[in-house]
PDB file of N, CA and C in Angstrom:
ATOM      1  N   MET A   1      17.203   2.093  86.232  1.00  0.00           N
ATOM      2  CA  MET A   1      17.898   1.072  86.940  1.00  0.00           C
ATOM      3  C   MET A   1      16.940   0.390  87.900  1.00  0.00           C
ATOM      4  N   THR A   2      16.644  -0.816  87.619  1.00  0.00           N
ATOM      5  CA  THR A   2      15.740  -1.553  88.486  1.00  0.00           C
ATOM      6  C   THR A   2      16.529  -2.480  89.381  1.00  0.00           C
ATOM      7  N   SER A   3      15.923  -2.842  90.467  1.00  0.00           N
ATOM      8  CA  SER A   3      16.571  -3.793  91.358  1.00  0.00           C
ATOM      9  C   SER A   3      15.536  -4.780  91.850  1.00  0.00           C
ATOM     10  N   VAL A   4      16.025  -5.930  92.270  1.00  0.00           N
ATOM     11  CA  VAL A   4      15.145  -6.988  92.745  1.00  0.00           C
ATOM     12  C   VAL A   4      15.488  -7.303  94.192  1.00  0.00           C
ATOM     13  N   PRO A   5      14.520  -7.765  94.979  1.00  0.00           N
ATOM     14  CA  PRO A   5      14.824  -8.097  96.370  1.00  0.00           C
ATOM     15  C   PRO A   5      15.789  -9.272  96.477  1.00  0.00           C
ATOM     16  N   VAL A   6      16.633  -9.199  97.448  1.00  0.00           N
ATOM     17  CA  VAL A   6      17.535 -10.293  97.793  1.00  0.00           C
ATOM     18  C   VAL A   6      17.012 -10.861  99.101  1.00  0.00           C
ATOM     19  N   PRO A   7      16.930 -12.183  99.249  1.00  0.00           N
ATOM     20  CA  PRO A   7      16.305 -12.753 100.435  1.00  0.00           C
ATOM     21  C   PRO A   7      16.956 -12.391 101.763  1.00  0.00           C
ATOM     22  N   THR A   8      18.234 -12.060 101.778  1.00  0.00           N
ATOM     23  CA  THR A   8      18.919 -11.762 103.026  1.00  0.00           C
ATOM     24  C   THR A   8      18.469 -10.408 103.566  1.00  0.00           C
ATOM     25  N   PRO A   9      17.922 -10.357 104.801  1.00  0.00           N
ATOM     26  CA  PRO A   9      17.525  -9.063 105.335  1.00  0.00           C
ATOM     27  C   PRO A   9      18.737  -8.248 105.766  1.00  0.00           C
ATOM     28  N   ASP A  10      18.621  -6.927 105.650  1.00  0.00           N
ATOM     29  CA  ASP A  10      19.700  -6.085 106.145  1.00  0.00           C
ATOM     30  C   ASP A  10      19.444  -5.778 107.618  1.00  0.00           C
ATOM     31  N   THR A  11      20.117  -4.801 108.156  1.00  0.00           N
ATOM     32  CA  THR A  11      20.059  -4.562 109.593  1.00  0.00           C
ATOM     33  C   THR A  11      18.691  -4.121 110.098  1.00  0.00           C
ATOM     34  N   ASP A  12      17.855  -3.524 109.260  1.00  0.00           N
ATOM     35  CA  ASP A  12      16.533  -3.106 109.731  1.00  0.00           C
ATOM     36  C   ASP A  12      15.437  -4.108 109.374  1.00  0.00           C
ATOM     37  N   GLY A  13      15.821  -5.295 108.928  1.00  0.00           N
ATOM     38  CA  GLY A  13      14.855  -6.350 108.641  1.00  0.00           C
ATOM     39  C   GLY A  13      14.246  -6.297 107.256  1.00  0.00           C
ATOM     40  N   GLU A  14      14.516  -5.248 106.503  1.00  0.00           N
ATOM     41  CA  GLU A  14      13.993  -5.130 105.136  1.00  0.00           C
ATOM     42  C   GLU A  14      14.863  -5.934 104.184  1.00  0.00           C
ATOM     43  N   PRO A  15      14.266  -6.530 103.137  1.00  0.00           N
ATOM     44  CA  PRO A  15      15.097  -7.250 102.176  1.00  0.00           C
ATOM     45  C   PRO A  15      16.034  -6.279 101.457  1.00  0.00           C
ATOM     46  N   GLN A  16      17.249  -6.742 101.198  1.00  0.00           N
ATOM     47  CA  GLN A  16      18.195  -5.924 100.454  1.00  0.00           C
ATOM     48  C   GLN A  16      17.764  -5.880  98.997  1.00  0.00           C
ATOM     49  N   ARG A  17      18.136  -4.810  98.319  1.00  0.00           N
ATOM     50  CA  ARG A  17      17.823  -4.673  96.900  1.00  0.00           C
ATOM     51  C   ARG A  17      19.088  -4.958  96.103  1.00  0.00           C
ATOM     52  N   ARG A  18      18.958  -5.855  95.140  1.00  0.00           N
ATOM     53  CA  ARG A  18      20.095  -6.189  94.286  1.00  0.00           C
ATOM     54  C   ARG A  18      19.911  -5.501  92.949  1.00  0.00           C
ATOM     55  N   PRO A  19      20.892  -4.732  92.511  1.00  0.00           N
ATOM     56  CA  PRO A  19      20.761  -4.077  91.208  1.00  0.00           C
ATOM     57  C   PRO A  19      20.833  -5.100  90.076  1.00  0.00           C
ATOM     58  N   THR A  20      20.217  -4.763  88.981  1.00  0.00           N
ATOM     59  CA  THR A  20      20.277  -5.610  87.800  1.00  0.00           C
ATOM     60  C   THR A  20      21.491  -5.201  86.983  1.00  0.00           C
ATOM     61  N   LEU A  21      22.465  -6.094  86.940  1.00  0.00           N
ATOM     62  CA  LEU A  21      23.677  -5.835  86.169  1.00  0.00           C
ATOM     63  C   LEU A  21      23.568  -6.527  84.816  1.00  0.00           C
ATOM     64  N   THR A  22      24.136  -5.885  83.809  1.00  0.00           N
ATOM     65  CA  THR A  22      24.147  -6.490  82.482  1.00  0.00           C
ATOM     66  C   THR A  22      25.127  -7.662  82.471  1.00  0.00           C
ATOM     67  N   PRO A  23      24.989  -8.561  81.500  1.00  0.00           N
ATOM     68  CA  PRO A  23      25.959  -9.664  81.404  1.00  0.00           C
ATOM     69  C   PRO A  23      27.405  -9.159  81.301  1.00  0.00           C
ATOM     70  N   ARG A  24      27.625  -8.081  80.577  1.00  0.00           N
ATOM     71  CA  ARG A  24      28.980  -7.533  80.441  1.00  0.00           C
ATOM     72  C   ARG A  24      29.474  -6.954  81.769  1.00  0.00           C
ATOM     73  N   GLU A  25      28.596  -6.264  82.496  1.00  0.00           N
ATOM     74  CA  GLU A  25      28.976  -5.745  83.807  1.00  0.00           C
ATOM     75  C   GLU A  25      29.355  -6.887  84.748  1.00  0.00           C
ATOM     76  N   LEU A  26      28.579  -7.970  84.714  1.00  0.00           N
ATOM     77  CA  LEU A  26      28.893  -9.136  85.540  1.00  0.00           C
ATOM     78  C   LEU A  26      30.243  -9.742  85.153  1.00  0.00           C
ATOM     79  N   GLU A  27      30.494  -9.858  83.869  1.00  0.00           N
ATOM     80  CA  GLU A  27      31.760 -10.413  83.390  1.00  0.00           C
ATOM     81  C   GLU A  27      32.938  -9.573  83.880  1.00  0.00           C
ATOM     82  N   ILE A  28      32.821  -8.264  83.727  1.00  0.00           N
ATOM     83  CA  ILE A  28      33.896  -7.368  84.132  1.00  0.00           C
ATOM     84  C   ILE A  28      34.069  -7.373  85.648  1.00  0.00           C
ATOM     85  N   LEU A  29      32.972  -7.347  86.376  1.00  0.00           N
ATOM     86  CA  LEU A  29      33.042  -7.377  87.836  1.00  0.00           C
ATOM     87  C   LEU A  29      33.741  -8.646  88.312  1.00  0.00           C
ATOM     88  N   ARG A  30      33.326  -9.787  87.806  1.00  0.00           N
ATOM     89  CA  ARG A  30      33.919 -11.060  88.227  1.00  0.00           C
ATOM     90  C   ARG A  30      35.416 -11.129  87.910  1.00  0.00           C
ATOM     91  N   LEU A  31      35.780 -10.729  86.710  1.00  0.00           N
ATOM     92  CA  LEU A  31      37.192 -10.779  86.332  1.00  0.00           C
ATOM     93  C   LEU A  31      38.005  -9.807  87.178  1.00  0.00           C
ATOM     94  N   TRP A  32      37.503  -8.606  87.384  1.00  0.00           N
ATOM     95  CA  TRP A  32      38.230  -7.613  88.177  1.00  0.00           C
ATOM     96  C   TRP A  32      38.404  -8.085  89.621  1.00  0.00           C
ATOM     97  N   LEU A  33      37.380  -8.716  90.179  1.00  0.00           N
ATOM     98  CA  LEU A  33      37.493  -9.215  91.549  1.00  0.00           C
ATOM     99  C   LEU A  33      38.559 -10.300  91.669  1.00  0.00           C
ATOM    100  N   ARG A  34      38.781 -11.061  90.600  1.00  0.00           N
ATOM    101  CA  ARG A  34      39.799 -12.119  90.605  1.00  0.00           C
ATOM    102  C   ARG A  34      41.180 -11.605  90.213  1.00  0.00           C
ATOM    103  N   SER A  35      41.246 -10.402  89.660  1.00  0.00           N
ATOM    104  CA  SER A  35      42.506  -9.866  89.135  1.00  0.00           C
ATOM    105  C   SER A  35      43.252  -9.054  90.179  1.00  0.00           C
ATOM    106  N   GLU A  36      44.533  -8.895  89.934  1.00  0.00           N
ATOM    107  CA  GLU A  36      45.365  -8.084  90.812  1.00  0.00           C
ATOM    108  C   GLU A  36      45.056  -6.603  90.679  1.00  0.00           C
ATOM    109  N   SER A  37      44.612  -6.191  89.505  1.00  0.00           N
ATOM    110  CA  SER A  37      44.364  -4.769  89.266  1.00  0.00           C
ATOM    111  C   SER A  37      43.392  -4.585  88.098  1.00  0.00           C
ATOM    112  N   LYS A  38      42.939  -3.360  87.947  1.00  0.00           N
ATOM    113  CA  LYS A  38      42.090  -3.023  86.804  1.00  0.00           C
ATOM    114  C   LYS A  38      42.879  -3.180  85.503  1.00  0.00           C
ATOM    115  N   THR A  39      44.154  -2.841  85.546  1.00  0.00           N
ATOM    116  CA  THR A  39      45.001  -2.949  84.357  1.00  0.00           C
ATOM    117  C   THR A  39      45.100  -4.393  83.887  1.00  0.00           C
ATOM    118  N   VAL A  40      45.263  -5.316  84.816  1.00  0.00           N
ATOM    119  CA  VAL A  40      45.331  -6.738  84.471  1.00  0.00           C
ATOM    120  C   VAL A  40      43.991  -7.199  83.894  1.00  0.00           C
ATOM    121  N   ALA A  41      42.893  -6.788  84.521  1.00  0.00           N
ATOM    122  CA  ALA A  41      41.566  -7.167  84.016  1.00  0.00           C
ATOM    123  C   ALA A  41      41.351  -6.616  82.608  1.00  0.00           C
ATOM    124  N   ALA A  42      41.735  -5.368  82.383  1.00  0.00           N
ATOM    125  CA  ALA A  42      41.578  -4.764  81.062  1.00  0.00           C
ATOM    126  C   ALA A  42      42.393  -5.525  80.021  1.00  0.00           C
ATOM    127  N   SER A  43      43.606  -5.877  80.378  1.00  0.00           N
ATOM    128  CA  SER A  43      44.466  -6.628  79.459  1.00  0.00           C
ATOM    129  C   SER A  43      43.865  -7.991  79.140  1.00  0.00           C
ATOM    130  N   ASP A  44      43.364  -8.688  80.160  1.00  0.00           N
ATOM    131  CA  ASP A  44      42.761 -10.011  79.949  1.00  0.00           C
ATOM    132  C   ASP A  44      41.545  -9.944  79.034  1.00  0.00           C
ATOM    133  N   LEU A  45      40.772  -8.866  79.145  1.00  0.00           N
ATOM    134  CA  LEU A  45      39.568  -8.702  78.324  1.00  0.00           C
ATOM    135  C   LEU A  45      39.857  -8.003  76.989  1.00  0.00           C
ATOM    136  N   ARG A  46      41.088  -7.523  76.843  1.00  0.00           N
ATOM    137  CA  ARG A  46      41.494  -6.786  75.645  1.00  0.00           C
ATOM    138  C   ARG A  46      40.630  -5.534  75.442  1.00  0.00           C
ATOM    139  N   ILE A  47      40.426  -4.822  76.551  1.00  0.00           N
ATOM    140  CA  ILE A  47      39.714  -3.546  76.514  1.00  0.00           C
ATOM    141  C   ILE A  47      40.560  -2.520  77.260  1.00  0.00           C
ATOM    142  N   SER A  48      40.193  -1.267  77.148  1.00  0.00           N
ATOM    143  CA  SER A  48      40.983  -0.222  77.799  1.00  0.00           C
ATOM    144  C   SER A  48      40.675  -0.126  79.288  1.00  0.00           C
ATOM    145  N   LEU A  49      41.611   0.446  80.015  1.00  0.00           N
ATOM    146  CA  LEU A  49      41.415   0.705  81.431  1.00  0.00           C
ATOM    147  C   LEU A  49      40.215   1.634  81.629  1.00  0.00           C
ATOM    148  N   GLY A  50      40.031   2.578  80.722  1.00  0.00           N
ATOM    149  CA  GLY A  50      38.883   3.480  80.790  1.00  0.00           C
ATOM    150  C   GLY A  50      37.553   2.744  80.704  1.00  0.00           C
ATOM    151  N   THR A  51      37.496   1.710  79.881  1.00  0.00           N
ATOM    152  CA  THR A  51      36.271   0.912  79.755  1.00  0.00           C
ATOM    153  C   THR A  51      35.987   0.157  81.049  1.00  0.00           C
ATOM    154  N   ILE A  52      37.039  -0.401  81.655  1.00  0.00           N
ATOM    155  CA  ILE A  52      36.871  -1.070  82.952  1.00  0.00           C
ATOM    156  C   ILE A  52      36.313  -0.066  83.964  1.00  0.00           C
ATOM    157  N   ASN A  53      36.934   1.111  84.015  1.00  0.00           N
ATOM    158  CA  ASN A  53      36.485   2.130  84.970  1.00  0.00           C
ATOM    159  C   ASN A  53      35.041   2.545  84.732  1.00  0.00           C
ATOM    160  N   THR A  54      34.658   2.696  83.475  1.00  0.00           N
ATOM    161  CA  THR A  54      33.279   3.075  83.149  1.00  0.00           C
ATOM    162  C   THR A  54      32.294   2.028  83.656  1.00  0.00           C
ATOM    163  N   HIS A  55      32.587   0.771  83.430  1.00  0.00           N
ATOM    164  CA  HIS A  55      31.695  -0.299  83.900  1.00  0.00           C
ATOM    165  C   HIS A  55      31.627  -0.325  85.422  1.00  0.00           C
ATOM    166  N   LEU A  56      32.755  -0.161  86.087  1.00  0.00           N
ATOM    167  CA  LEU A  56      32.749  -0.175  87.549  1.00  0.00           C
ATOM    168  C   LEU A  56      32.003   1.021  88.125  1.00  0.00           C
ATOM    169  N   ILE A  57      32.104   2.165  87.475  1.00  0.00           N
ATOM    170  CA  ILE A  57      31.333   3.344  87.895  1.00  0.00           C
ATOM    171  C   ILE A  57      29.843   3.053  87.768  1.00  0.00           C
ATOM    172  N   ARG A  58      29.442   2.440  86.671  1.00  0.00           N
ATOM    173  CA  ARG A  58      28.021   2.103  86.471  1.00  0.00           C
ATOM    174  C   ARG A  58      27.538   1.084  87.502  1.00  0.00           C
ATOM    175  N   ILE A  59      28.369   0.095  87.805  1.00  0.00           N
ATOM    176  CA  ILE A  59      28.001  -0.922  88.801  1.00  0.00           C
ATOM    177  C   ILE A  59      27.834  -0.271  90.162  1.00  0.00           C
ATOM    178  N   ARG A  60      28.779   0.593  90.546  1.00  0.00           N
ATOM    179  CA  ARG A  60      28.668   1.293  91.832  1.00  0.00           C
ATOM    180  C   ARG A  60      27.425   2.178  91.866  1.00  0.00           C
ATOM    181  N   ALA A  61      27.118   2.834  90.761  1.00  0.00           N
ATOM    182  CA  ALA A  61      25.926   3.693  90.695  1.00  0.00           C
ATOM    183  C   ALA A  61      24.652   2.867  90.870  1.00  0.00           C
ATOM    184  N   LYS A  62      24.621   1.682  90.292  1.00  0.00           N
ATOM    185  CA  LYS A  62      23.450   0.819  90.441  1.00  0.00           C
ATOM    186  C   LYS A  62      23.290   0.363  91.888  1.00  0.00           C
ATOM    187  N   TYR A  63      24.393   0.042  92.547  1.00  0.00           N
ATOM    188  CA  TYR A  63      24.314  -0.322  93.960  1.00  0.00           C
ATOM    189  C   TYR A  63      23.855   0.877  94.806  1.00  0.00           C
ATOM    190  N   ALA A  64      24.366   2.050  94.508  1.00  0.00           N
ATOM    191  CA  ALA A  64      23.950   3.243  95.246  1.00  0.00           C
ATOM    192  C   ALA A  64      22.464   3.508  95.049  1.00  0.00           C
ATOM    193  N   ALA A  65      21.969   3.341  93.823  1.00  0.00           N
ATOM    194  CA  ALA A  65      20.545   3.553  93.538  1.00  0.00           C
ATOM    195  C   ALA A  65      19.672   2.538  94.267  1.00  0.00           C
ATOM    196  N   ALA A  66      20.237   1.368  94.554  1.00  0.00           N
ATOM    197  CA  ALA A  66      19.505   0.329  95.283  1.00  0.00           C
ATOM    198  C   ALA A  66      19.619   0.530  96.793  1.00  0.00           C
ATOM    199  N   GLY A  67      20.305   1.609  97.203  1.00  0.00           N
ATOM    200  CA  GLY A  67      20.452   1.885  98.625  1.00  0.00           C
ATOM    201  C   GLY A  67      21.562   1.105  99.289  1.00  0.00           C
ATOM    202  N   ARG A  68      22.481   0.591  98.509  1.00  0.00           N
ATOM    203  CA  ARG A  68      23.584  -0.224  99.028  1.00  0.00           C
ATOM    204  C   ARG A  68      24.904   0.258  98.438  1.00  0.00           C
ATOM    205  N   PRO A  69      25.289   1.496  98.732  1.00  0.00           N
ATOM    206  CA  PRO A  69      26.489   2.058  98.106  1.00  0.00           C
ATOM    207  C   PRO A  69      27.766   1.317  98.499  1.00  0.00           C
ATOM    208  N   VAL A  70      28.733   1.345  97.587  1.00  0.00           N
ATOM    209  CA  VAL A  70      30.055   0.762  97.826  1.00  0.00           C
ATOM    210  C   VAL A  70      31.104   1.746  97.329  1.00  0.00           C
ATOM    211  N   ALA A  71      32.237   1.775  98.019  1.00  0.00           N
ATOM    212  CA  ALA A  71      33.257   2.761  97.673  1.00  0.00           C
ATOM    213  C   ALA A  71      34.520   2.159  97.074  1.00  0.00           C
ATOM    214  N   ASP A  72      34.731   0.869  97.288  1.00  0.00           N
ATOM    215  CA  ASP A  72      35.998   0.297  96.855  1.00  0.00           C
ATOM    216  C   ASP A  72      35.833  -1.171  96.461  1.00  0.00           C
ATOM    217  N   LYS A  73      36.954  -1.788  96.097  1.00  0.00           N
ATOM    218  CA  LYS A  73      36.934  -3.168  95.615  1.00  0.00           C
ATOM    219  C   LYS A  73      36.413  -4.124  96.682  1.00  0.00           C
ATOM    220  N   SER A  74      36.833  -3.937  97.916  1.00  0.00           N
ATOM    221  CA  SER A  74      36.363  -4.844  98.970  1.00  0.00           C
ATOM    222  C   SER A  74      34.863  -4.716  99.179  1.00  0.00           C
ATOM    223  N   GLY A  75      34.332  -3.502  99.052  1.00  0.00           N
ATOM    224  CA  GLY A  75      32.887  -3.317  99.160  1.00  0.00           C
ATOM    225  C   GLY A  75      32.132  -4.009  98.044  1.00  0.00           C
ATOM    226  N   LEU A  76      32.665  -3.916  96.833  1.00  0.00           N
ATOM    227  CA  LEU A  76      32.019  -4.613  95.715  1.00  0.00           C
ATOM    228  C   LEU A  76      32.123  -6.123  95.872  1.00  0.00           C
ATOM    229  N   LEU A  77      33.233  -6.596  96.407  1.00  0.00           N
ATOM    230  CA  LEU A  77      33.376  -8.030  96.654  1.00  0.00           C
ATOM    231  C   LEU A  77      32.324  -8.498  97.653  1.00  0.00           C
ATOM    232  N   ILE A  78      32.141  -7.751  98.723  1.00  0.00           N
ATOM    233  CA  ILE A  78      31.131  -8.113  99.720  1.00  0.00           C
ATOM    234  C   ILE A  78      29.744  -8.145  99.093  1.00  0.00           C
ATOM    235  N   ARG A  79      29.392  -7.123  98.330  1.00  0.00           N
ATOM    236  CA  ARG A  79      28.073  -7.085  97.677  1.00  0.00           C
ATOM    237  C   ARG A  79      27.917  -8.263  96.718  1.00  0.00           C
ATOM    238  N   ALA A  80      28.943  -8.551  95.927  1.00  0.00           N
ATOM    239  CA  ALA A  80      28.865  -9.644  94.961  1.00  0.00           C
ATOM    240  C   ALA A  80      28.677 -10.983  95.677  1.00  0.00           C
ATOM    241  N   LEU A  81      29.350 -11.168  96.799  1.00  0.00           N
ATOM    242  CA  LEU A  81      29.166 -12.384  97.590  1.00  0.00           C
ATOM    243  C   LEU A  81      27.762 -12.436  98.182  1.00  0.00           C
ATOM    244  N   GLN A  82      27.289 -11.327  98.754  1.00  0.00           N
ATOM    245  CA  GLN A  82      25.949 -11.275  99.345  1.00  0.00           C
ATOM    246  C   GLN A  82      24.871 -11.586  98.315  1.00  0.00           C
ATOM    247  N   ASP A  83      25.072 -11.112  97.103  1.00  0.00           N
ATOM    248  CA  ASP A  83      24.059 -11.251  96.052  1.00  0.00           C
ATOM    249  C   ASP A  83      24.226 -12.522  95.224  1.00  0.00           C
ATOM    250  N   GLY A  84      25.214 -13.338  95.549  1.00  0.00           N
ATOM    251  CA  GLY A  84      25.412 -14.575  94.815  1.00  0.00           C
ATOM    252  C   GLY A  84      25.954 -14.372  93.408  1.00  0.00           C
ATOM    253  N   LEU A  85      26.584 -13.221  93.156  1.00  0.00           N
ATOM    254  CA  LEU A  85      27.142 -12.952  91.824  1.00  0.00           C
ATOM    255  C   LEU A  85      28.500 -13.603  91.646  1.00  0.00           C
ATOM    256  N   VAL A  86      29.151 -13.899  92.751  1.00  0.00           N
ATOM    257  CA  VAL A  86      30.456 -14.545  92.750  1.00  0.00           C
ATOM    258  C   VAL A  86      30.521 -15.422  93.999  1.00  0.00           C
ATOM    259  N   SER A  87      31.284 -16.491  93.906  1.00  0.00           N
ATOM    260  CA  SER A  87      31.469 -17.369  95.070  1.00  0.00           C
ATOM    261  C   SER A  87      32.927 -17.325  95.489  1.00  0.00           C
ATOM    262  N   LEU A  88      33.190 -17.725  96.721  1.00  0.00           N
ATOM    263  CA  LEU A  88      34.574 -17.769  97.187  1.00  0.00           C
ATOM    264  C   LEU A  88      35.404 -18.735  96.358  1.00  0.00           C
ATOM    265  N   ALA A  89      34.779 -19.790  95.880  1.00  0.00           N
ATOM    266  CA  ALA A  89      35.497 -20.777  95.061  1.00  0.00           C
ATOM    267  C   ALA A  89      36.000 -20.160  93.746  1.00  0.00           C
ATOM    268  N   GLU A  90      35.270 -19.170  93.236  1.00  0.00           N
ATOM    269  CA  GLU A  90      35.675 -18.513  91.984  1.00  0.00           C
ATOM    270  C   GLU A  90      36.882 -17.608  92.182  1.00  0.00           C
ATOM    271  N   LEU A  91      37.083 -17.156  93.393  1.00  0.00           N
ATOM    272  CA  LEU A  91      38.154 -16.208  93.653  1.00  0.00           C
ATOM    273  C   LEU A  91      39.455 -16.939  93.830  1.00  0.00           C
TER     274      LEU A  91
END
């Protein structure tokens, strides 16, 4: 799992590390952030809830490996906004 620097410095002045997400991980993350629930996102993508969960676990693991762990949907939303993966207009 590789990560690239993000220009925004964190609290200690070091650049934040952004994990490299696959196109499918990005698609699932974006849809889930816009959806009411994982179940709705799974239905929209015509995949199982387990598949959604697997992708979200991998995304969280990549953020943790980059030193930027997240525990919940709001944390992932903040990271996605910080990293330019999603905009407020998309939500």
